[in-house]
């Protein structure tokens, strides 16, 4: 068995010798029940325990995709698949084979779209080129900022109409709600991954306007937000809001956690206790306000703990960032692209210190939320349009990071 493990490590070494050389690979043991709050090692996408080197390779694949380096992503996926087969673990081999097939498919689609992307750069009014490029950006990469203007000039009547309507909608809640409905209905007729990215985008629009909706429309938006994909086939590029780096973004953060938040870090530094005010405690769950001067490019990390011994294993974390005037600056949600999660003790220090570390490792929607969670956070923020989030649902302690959009460079510590 040691010989097999050495072969796996050697195979994966071609991916990233510096990243993998210090990690020992062991046979994946059966997942025991958690013994304490620091029980890590499960990957949400895998449905079970996965060797650390394989998990690291998955992260490298995602990072290559975010850089549009699809050849590198495929090469890493091939090496990962070969290593998994040496382990003679059918579940793991199936997992890496599916990941490899998925990445190859993305590479092929990127190659098909490349001529169209090049053509629209030279001839912006070519309808067919706009269609091909726009469909790739929106339905394969989830990059609607790039893709939507292209679809608005495309040869497809339906896509052109809804894209033009969305671009003209501005902040009108009724029009945005109608556009979101159109994308949602269209998603039902599409195959994956286009279906998932269309649903994801529809829910982005629902999140923007749900606070202004009433009656049946509000219920519809809330239900569809709850049905939004919690994991996309490929990591979606984060879109930075047009903010001025020197201007304040949020002055405080209201959080609700079941059970509680241990530590909070702002730009890698521990937030002092006098900046945190506990405002409510309900059956052990914590509600507090944290005073922070957040600017574009800043990041804040929350270490959240849940003992899972009460209320049927419910767990919960939600956040609302507030401006100086009390308005909503940001919310905890999966679709903003600004939240990431860490559940590995070996990576926590870097996750806290480095704004961009694990930025493609998205949190997950809470499967079994605390029933008073939304009620408690809406009590102080009636227009809160977010959702409860967590890292690995199997972890009793998780680290969640929010990066304020709009900052090009890391702030000076």
Protein backbone atom coordinates (compact mmCIF):
# COMPACT_ATOMS: atom_id res chain seq x y z
CA UNK A 1 0.00 0.00 0.00
CA UNK A 2 2.85 2.41 0.76
CA UNK A 3 4.19 1.71 -2.72
CA UNK A 4 0.79 2.61 -4.22
CA UNK A 5 0.66 5.82 -2.23
CA UNK A 6 4.12 6.79 -3.46
CA UNK A 7 3.01 6.18 -7.03
CA UNK A 8 0.00 8.44 -6.55
CA UNK A 9 2.09 11.18 -5.03
CA UNK A 10 4.61 10.89 -7.86
CA UNK A 11 1.86 11.14 -10.47
CA UNK A 12 0.38 14.21 -8.87
CA UNK A 13 3.78 15.81 -8.49
CA UNK A 14 3.76 16.71 -12.16
CA UNK A 15 0.83 19.01 -11.41
CA UNK A 16 2.50 21.13 -8.80
CA UNK A 17 5.55 19.79 -7.05
CA UNK A 18 5.73 22.67 -4.62
CA UNK A 19 2.08 22.34 -3.61
CA UNK A 20 1.97 18.59 -3.27
CA UNK A 21 5.40 17.54 -2.11
CA UNK A 22 4.68 18.23 1.54
CA UNK A 23 1.29 16.52 1.65
CA UNK A 24 1.14 12.82 2.54
CA UNK A 25 -1.54 10.88 0.69
CA UNK A 26 -3.31 8.13 2.58
CA UNK A 27 -6.06 5.75 1.64
CA UNK A 28 -9.41 7.48 2.18
CA UNK A 29 -10.71 6.05 5.48
CA UNK A 30 -14.39 5.62 6.22
CA UNK A 31 -15.91 8.88 7.41
CA UNK A 32 -16.34 8.68 11.21
CA UNK A 33 -18.91 10.77 13.05
CA UNK A 34 -17.45 14.18 13.98
CA UNK A 35 -15.72 14.16 17.36
CA UNK A 36 -15.09 17.86 17.82
CA UNK A 37 -15.56 21.20 16.12
CA UNK A 38 -12.34 20.81 14.14
CA UNK A 39 -13.29 17.71 12.17
CA UNK A 40 -12.35 18.41 8.56
CA UNK A 41 -11.44 16.58 5.39
CA UNK A 42 -14.69 16.22 3.44
CA UNK A 43 -15.24 17.88 0.11
CA UNK A 44 -18.86 18.87 -0.56
CA UNK A 45 -18.70 18.03 -4.24
CA UNK A 46 -17.40 14.54 -3.64
CA UNK A 47 -19.93 13.17 -1.17
CA UNK A 48 -17.16 11.72 0.98
CA UNK A 49 -13.60 11.93 2.21
CA UNK A 50 -11.02 12.64 -0.46
CA UNK A 51 -7.19 12.55 -0.22
CA UNK A 52 -5.73 15.98 0.35
CA UNK A 53 -3.67 15.83 -2.84
CA UNK A 54 -6.76 15.15 -4.95
CA UNK A 55 -8.59 18.05 -3.33
CA UNK A 56 -5.61 20.30 -3.99
CA UNK A 57 -5.65 19.25 -7.65
CA UNK A 58 -9.35 20.14 -7.94
CA UNK A 59 -8.52 23.60 -6.65
CA UNK A 60 -5.73 23.94 -9.20
CA UNK A 61 -8.17 22.98 -11.96
CA UNK A 62 -10.57 25.71 -10.87
CA UNK A 63 -7.79 28.28 -10.69
CA UNK A 64 -6.66 27.43 -14.21
CA UNK A 65 -10.23 27.83 -15.48
CA UNK A 66 -10.49 31.24 -13.82
CA UNK A 67 -7.37 32.25 -15.76
CA UNK A 68 -8.92 30.91 -19.01
CA UNK A 69 -6.04 28.44 -19.22
CA UNK A 70 -8.14 25.47 -20.31
CA UNK A 71 -5.21 23.40 -21.53
CA UNK A 72 -3.62 23.60 -18.08
CA UNK A 73 -6.95 22.69 -16.49
CA UNK A 74 -7.24 19.58 -18.68
CA UNK A 75 -3.63 18.57 -18.02
CA UNK A 76 -4.19 18.79 -14.27
CA UNK A 77 -7.46 16.88 -14.54
CA UNK A 78 -5.76 14.12 -16.55
CA UNK A 79 -2.99 13.73 -13.97
CA UNK A 80 -5.53 13.73 -11.15
CA UNK A 81 -7.61 11.07 -12.85
CA UNK A 82 -4.53 8.88 -13.41
CA UNK A 83 -3.56 9.21 -9.75
CA UNK A 84 -7.07 8.33 -8.57
CA UNK A 85 -7.08 5.12 -10.61
CA UNK A 86 -3.90 3.93 -8.90
CA UNK A 87 -5.78 3.99 -5.60
CA UNK A 88 -8.26 1.42 -6.96
CA UNK A 89 -11.13 3.35 -5.38
CA UNK A 90 -14.19 3.17 -7.65
CA UNK A 91 -15.91 6.20 -6.12
CA UNK A 92 -12.82 8.37 -6.38
CA UNK A 93 -12.05 7.20 -9.92
CA UNK A 94 -15.62 7.99 -10.99
CA UNK A 95 -15.32 11.44 -9.45
CA UNK A 96 -12.07 12.36 -11.19
CA UNK A 97 -13.23 10.85 -14.51
CA UNK A 98 -16.35 13.02 -14.48
CA UNK A 99 -14.28 16.07 -13.61
CA UNK A 100 -11.89 15.33 -16.47
CA UNK A 101 -14.75 14.90 -18.95
CA UNK A 102 -16.31 18.16 -17.78
CA UNK A 103 -13.08 20.15 -18.13
CA UNK A 104 -12.41 18.70 -21.58
CA UNK A 105 -15.90 19.75 -22.63
CA UNK A 106 -15.25 23.30 -21.44
CA UNK A 107 -11.93 23.40 -23.30
CA UNK A 108 -13.65 22.27 -26.51
CA UNK A 109 -16.38 24.90 -26.13
CA UNK A 110 -13.78 27.58 -25.50
CA UNK A 111 -11.97 26.55 -28.69
CA UNK A 112 -15.22 26.74 -30.68
CA UNK A 113 -15.99 30.20 -29.30
CA UNK A 114 -12.47 31.60 -29.77
CA UNK A 115 -12.92 32.67 -33.44
CA UNK A 116 -16.18 34.43 -32.61
CA UNK A 117 -14.62 36.20 -29.62
CA UNK A 118 -11.78 37.38 -31.84
CA UNK A 119 -14.21 38.47 -34.55
CA UNK A 120 -16.41 40.62 -32.28
CA UNK A 121 -13.25 42.41 -31.22
CA UNK A 122 -12.81 43.48 -34.83
CA UNK A 123 -16.42 43.62 -36.03
CA UNK A 124 -18.71 44.46 -33.12
CA UNK A 125 -21.92 44.21 -35.16
CA UNK A 126 -21.51 40.67 -36.51
CA UNK A 127 -24.68 39.01 -35.18
CA UNK A 128 -23.51 35.41 -35.50
CA UNK A 129 -20.19 36.14 -33.83
CA UNK A 130 -21.96 38.01 -31.05
CA UNK A 131 -24.25 35.02 -30.54
CA UNK A 132 -21.45 32.47 -30.28
CA UNK A 133 -19.28 34.64 -28.04
CA UNK A 134 -22.20 35.76 -25.89
CA UNK A 135 -23.49 32.22 -25.37
CA UNK A 136 -20.05 31.04 -24.29
CA UNK A 137 -19.52 33.85 -21.79
CA UNK A 138 -23.01 33.61 -20.30
CA UNK A 139 -23.85 29.90 -20.47
CA UNK A 140 -20.42 28.33 -20.04
CA UNK A 141 -18.55 30.84 -17.87
CA UNK A 142 -21.34 32.69 -16.08
CA UNK A 143 -19.71 35.97 -17.13
CA UNK A 144 -22.83 38.00 -17.85
CA UNK A 145 -21.00 41.31 -17.71
CA UNK A 146 -19.13 40.32 -20.88
CA UNK A 147 -21.76 38.12 -22.46
CA UNK A 148 -24.99 40.09 -22.06
CA UNK A 149 -24.03 43.03 -24.35
CA UNK A 150 -23.02 40.49 -27.00
CA UNK A 151 -26.33 38.62 -26.78
CA UNK A 152 -28.10 41.99 -27.11
CA UNK A 153 -26.57 42.26 -30.61
CA UNK A 154 -26.87 38.59 -31.53
CA UNK A 155 -28.72 36.72 -34.26
CA UNK A 156 -31.04 34.89 -31.82
CA UNK A 157 -34.30 36.84 -31.54
CA UNK A 158 -35.22 35.50 -28.10
CA UNK A 159 -31.83 36.00 -26.50
CA UNK A 160 -31.43 39.40 -28.13
CA UNK A 161 -34.80 40.60 -26.79
CA UNK A 162 -34.28 39.54 -23.18
CA UNK A 163 -30.68 40.80 -23.13
CA UNK A 164 -31.75 44.20 -24.49
CA UNK A 165 -34.56 44.38 -21.95
CA UNK A 166 -32.22 43.60 -19.06
CA UNK A 167 -29.64 46.16 -20.17
CA UNK A 168 -32.39 48.79 -20.45
CA UNK A 169 -34.08 47.84 -17.17
CA UNK A 170 -31.69 49.81 -14.97
CA UNK A 171 -33.02 49.64 -11.40
CA UNK A 172 -36.74 49.26 -12.14
CA UNK A 173 -37.80 46.36 -9.86
CA UNK A 174 -40.84 45.38 -11.95
CA UNK A 175 -38.81 45.17 -15.17
CA UNK A 176 -35.94 43.31 -13.49
CA UNK A 177 -38.42 40.84 -12.00
CA UNK A 178 -39.87 40.23 -15.47
CA UNK A 179 -36.42 39.73 -16.96
CA UNK A 180 -35.52 37.30 -14.17
CA UNK A 181 -38.69 35.32 -14.91
CA UNK A 182 -37.74 35.13 -18.58
CA UNK A 183 -34.27 33.78 -17.80
CA UNK A 184 -35.73 31.30 -15.30
CA UNK A 185 -38.31 30.01 -17.79
CA UNK A 186 -35.69 29.82 -20.53
CA UNK A 187 -33.40 27.81 -18.24
CA UNK A 188 -35.99 25.04 -18.10
CA UNK A 189 -35.53 24.48 -21.84
CA UNK A 190 -31.73 24.40 -21.77
CA UNK A 191 -29.25 21.61 -21.12
CA UNK A 192 -26.51 21.87 -18.51
CA UNK A 193 -24.39 23.82 -17.97
CA UNK A 194 -26.42 26.57 -19.68
CA UNK A 195 -29.45 25.68 -17.55
CA UNK A 196 -27.55 26.16 -14.29
CA UNK A 197 -25.93 29.44 -15.33
CA UNK A 198 -29.28 30.84 -16.55
CA UNK A 199 -30.94 29.92 -13.24
CA UNK A 200 -28.01 31.39 -11.34
CA UNK A 201 -28.29 34.67 -13.25
CA UNK A 202 -32.05 34.82 -12.81
CA UNK A 203 -31.55 34.51 -9.06
CA UNK A 204 -29.01 37.33 -9.11
CA UNK A 205 -31.77 39.54 -10.48
CA UNK A 206 -34.33 38.21 -7.99
CA UNK A 207 -31.93 39.02 -5.14
CA UNK A 208 -31.67 42.62 -6.30
CA UNK A 209 -35.40 43.26 -6.29
CA UNK A 210 -36.98 40.83 -3.82
CA UNK A 211 -37.06 43.50 -1.10
CA UNK A 212 -39.20 45.73 -3.34
CA UNK A 213 -41.67 43.00 -4.35
CA UNK A 214 -44.93 42.12 -2.65
CA UNK A 215 -47.47 39.32 -2.66
CA UNK A 216 -47.19 36.55 -5.23
CA UNK A 217 -44.22 38.15 -6.98
CA UNK A 218 -42.21 38.26 -3.75
CA UNK A 219 -43.11 34.65 -2.98
CA UNK A 220 -42.07 33.59 -6.48
CA UNK A 221 -38.71 35.35 -6.18
CA UNK A 222 -38.05 33.86 -2.74
CA UNK A 223 -38.93 30.35 -3.87
CA UNK A 224 -36.68 30.56 -6.91
CA UNK A 225 -33.80 32.02 -4.92
CA UNK A 226 -34.10 28.98 -2.66
CA UNK A 227 -33.98 26.70 -5.74
CA UNK A 228 -30.90 28.35 -7.21
CA UNK A 229 -27.93 26.12 -8.03
CA UNK A 230 -25.60 25.91 -5.04
CA UNK A 231 -22.70 24.66 -7.15
CA UNK A 232 -21.93 25.66 -10.72
CA UNK A 233 -20.12 23.33 -13.16
CA UNK A 234 -17.16 25.71 -13.44
CA UNK A 235 -16.02 28.58 -11.18
CA UNK A 236 -17.59 31.84 -12.23
CA UNK A 237 -15.43 34.96 -12.56
CA UNK A 238 -16.19 37.46 -9.82
CA UNK A 239 -17.45 40.79 -11.11
CA UNK A 240 -16.14 43.80 -9.23
CA UNK A 241 -18.56 46.64 -8.61
CA UNK A 242 -17.53 50.09 -9.86
CA UNK A 243 -16.49 51.49 -6.46
CA UNK A 244 -13.85 54.02 -5.58
CA UNK A 245 -11.07 52.34 -3.56
CA UNK A 246 -10.77 55.25 -1.12
CA UNK A 247 -14.45 55.52 -0.27
CA UNK A 248 -16.09 53.68 2.67
CA UNK A 249 -18.20 50.72 1.66
CA UNK A 250 -19.65 49.52 4.95
CA UNK A 251 -19.33 50.77 8.50
CA UNK A 252 -20.62 47.70 10.33
CA UNK A 253 -21.70 44.12 9.80
CA UNK A 254 -24.70 42.52 11.45
CA UNK A 255 -24.34 38.74 11.82
CA UNK A 256 -26.55 35.92 13.02
CA UNK A 257 -24.90 32.59 13.78
CA UNK A 258 -26.03 29.29 15.21
CA UNK A 259 -24.13 28.75 17.45
CA UNK A 260 -21.61 31.60 17.42
CA UNK A 261 -18.71 33.39 15.71
CA UNK A 262 -15.38 32.79 17.45
CA UNK A 263 -13.00 35.21 15.76
CA UNK A 264 -13.35 37.86 13.09
CA UNK A 265 -10.44 39.14 10.99
CA UNK A 266 -10.28 42.36 8.96
CA UNK A 267 -7.55 42.41 6.31
CA UNK A 268 -5.82 39.57 8.14
CA UNK A 269 -5.88 41.21 11.58
CA UNK A 270 -8.00 40.05 14.51
CA UNK A 271 -10.95 42.34 15.20
CA UNK A 272 -10.79 43.64 18.77
CA UNK A 273 -13.51 42.65 21.21
CA UNK A 274 -14.58 46.28 21.72
CA UNK A 275 -15.60 46.37 18.05
CA UNK A 276 -18.08 43.55 18.61
CA UNK A 277 -21.39 44.02 20.38
CA UNK A 278 -23.63 41.08 21.23
CA UNK A 279 -27.20 42.27 20.71
CA UNK A 280 -29.16 39.06 21.24
CA UNK A 281 -28.71 35.45 22.20
CA UNK A 282 -31.49 33.00 21.39
CA UNK A 283 -31.21 29.40 22.56
CA UNK A 284 -27.44 29.75 22.32
CA UNK A 285 -27.44 31.32 18.86
CA UNK A 286 -25.64 34.63 18.54
CA UNK A 287 -26.72 37.96 17.07
CA UNK A 288 -24.14 40.73 17.03
CA UNK A 289 -23.02 43.92 15.36
CA UNK A 290 -19.38 44.37 14.36
CA UNK A 291 -18.01 47.86 13.76
CA UNK A 292 -15.69 47.79 10.74
CA UNK A 293 -14.47 50.39 8.27
CA UNK A 294 -14.69 48.34 5.09
CA UNK A 295 -13.41 49.80 1.83
CA UNK A 296 -13.23 48.33 -1.69
CA UNK A 297 -10.59 45.61 -1.76
CA UNK A 298 -10.86 44.87 1.96
CA UNK A 299 -11.74 41.42 3.24
CA UNK A 300 -13.28 40.09 6.42
CA UNK A 301 -13.15 36.48 7.69
CA UNK A 302 -15.61 34.93 10.15
CA UNK A 303 -14.80 31.74 12.06
CA UNK A 304 -18.21 30.22 12.75
CA UNK A 305 -18.85 27.29 15.11
CA UNK A 306 -21.84 25.00 15.55
CA UNK A 307 -21.97 22.12 18.03
CA UNK A 308 -24.72 20.27 16.08
CA UNK A 309 -26.03 18.77 19.29
CA UNK A 310 -29.24 20.79 19.41
CA UNK A 311 -32.33 21.35 17.31
CA UNK A 312 -31.86 18.40 15.01
CA UNK A 313 -28.43 19.48 13.78
CA UNK A 314 -29.49 22.91 12.51
CA UNK A 315 -26.71 25.35 11.64
CA UNK A 316 -26.72 28.91 10.37
CA UNK A 317 -24.64 31.94 9.39
CA UNK A 318 -25.98 35.10 7.76
CA UNK A 319 -24.49 38.56 7.38
CA UNK A 320 -25.67 42.00 6.41
CA UNK A 321 -23.18 44.79 5.72
CA UNK A 322 -24.49 48.25 6.54
CA UNK A 323 -23.51 51.68 5.23
CA UNK A 324 -23.10 54.79 7.36
CA UNK A 325 -26.72 55.67 6.64
CA UNK A 326 -27.98 52.22 7.63
CA UNK A 327 -28.54 50.97 4.07
CA UNK A 328 -27.64 47.46 2.96
CA UNK A 329 -24.10 47.35 1.55
CA UNK A 330 -23.91 43.57 1.05
CA UNK A 331 -25.51 40.33 2.17
CA UNK A 332 -24.40 36.74 2.61
CA UNK A 333 -25.26 34.95 -0.62
CA UNK A 334 -23.80 32.48 -3.09
CA UNK A 335 -24.32 34.45 -6.28
CA UNK A 336 -22.27 37.57 -5.57
CA UNK A 337 -18.96 35.76 -6.20
CA UNK A 338 -17.46 37.64 -3.23
CA UNK A 339 -17.82 34.92 -0.58
CA UNK A 340 -15.43 32.00 -0.13
CA UNK A 341 -15.02 29.24 2.45
CA UNK A 342 -12.25 27.26 4.12
CA UNK A 343 -12.65 24.06 6.16
CA UNK A 344 -9.08 22.84 6.30
CA UNK A 345 -7.02 23.75 9.35
CA UNK A 346 -3.81 23.57 7.30
CA UNK A 347 -5.07 26.34 5.03
CA UNK A 348 -6.78 28.62 7.55
CA UNK A 349 -3.79 30.89 8.24
CA UNK A 350 -3.28 31.66 4.55
CA UNK A 351 -7.03 31.97 3.97
CA UNK A 352 -7.17 34.68 6.66
CA UNK A 353 -4.00 36.52 5.62
CA UNK A 354 -4.42 36.44 1.82
CA UNK A 355 -7.43 38.17 0.32
CA UNK A 356 -7.38 36.02 -2.83
CA UNK A 357 -6.66 32.65 -1.23
CA UNK A 358 -9.37 30.08 -2.10
CA UNK A 359 -11.45 32.79 -3.74
CA UNK A 360 -12.90 30.15 -6.06
CA UNK A 361 -13.93 27.89 -3.16
CA UNK A 362 -17.53 28.98 -2.78
CA UNK A 363 -19.58 28.46 0.39
CA UNK A 364 -22.70 26.30 0.30
CA UNK A 365 -26.33 26.98 1.08
CA UNK A 366 -27.31 25.80 4.55
CA UNK A 367 -29.23 22.53 4.25
CA UNK A 368 -30.80 22.57 7.70
CA UNK A 369 -31.09 26.22 8.71
CA UNK A 370 -32.02 27.45 12.15
CA UNK A 371 -35.71 28.30 11.91
CA UNK A 372 -35.31 31.71 13.57
CA UNK A 373 -32.26 32.72 11.56
CA UNK A 374 -33.88 34.79 8.81
CA UNK A 375 -36.35 36.20 11.31
CA UNK A 376 -33.53 37.39 13.56
CA UNK A 377 -31.45 39.06 10.85
CA UNK A 378 -34.47 40.63 9.16
CA UNK A 379 -35.45 42.10 12.52
CA UNK A 380 -32.54 44.50 12.19
CA UNK A 381 -32.42 44.52 8.37
CA UNK A 382 -35.92 44.32 6.81
CA UNK A 383 -34.47 44.61 3.28
CA UNK A 384 -31.91 41.83 3.77
CA UNK A 385 -31.96 39.79 0.56
CA UNK A 386 -29.31 37.19 1.35
CA UNK A 387 -29.25 33.59 2.50
CA UNK A 388 -27.66 31.40 5.13
CA UNK A 389 -24.26 30.06 4.05
CA UNK A 390 -21.64 27.61 5.36
CA UNK A 391 -18.50 25.85 4.20
CA UNK A 392 -18.47 22.08 4.25
CA UNK A 393 -21.82 20.99 5.77
CA UNK A 394 -19.96 18.20 7.57
CA UNK A 395 -17.72 20.66 9.41
CA UNK A 396 -18.70 21.97 12.80
CA UNK A 397 -16.40 24.93 12.36
CA UNK A 398 -15.92 26.88 9.14
CA UNK A 399 -14.20 30.06 7.98
CA UNK A 400 -16.17 32.35 5.66
CA UNK A 401 -14.56 35.25 3.82
CA UNK A 402 -16.20 38.27 2.21
CA UNK A 403 -14.14 40.40 -0.19
CA UNK A 404 -15.39 43.92 -0.82
CA UNK A 405 -15.62 44.37 -4.61
CA UNK A 406 -13.91 47.16 -6.48
CA UNK A 407 -10.37 47.04 -5.07
CA UNK A 408 -7.63 46.26 -7.57
CA UNK A 409 -4.80 46.02 -5.05
CA UNK A 410 -4.56 44.58 -1.57
CA UNK A 411 -4.78 47.31 1.09
CA UNK A 412 -1.71 48.24 3.03
CA UNK A 413 -1.73 46.61 6.44
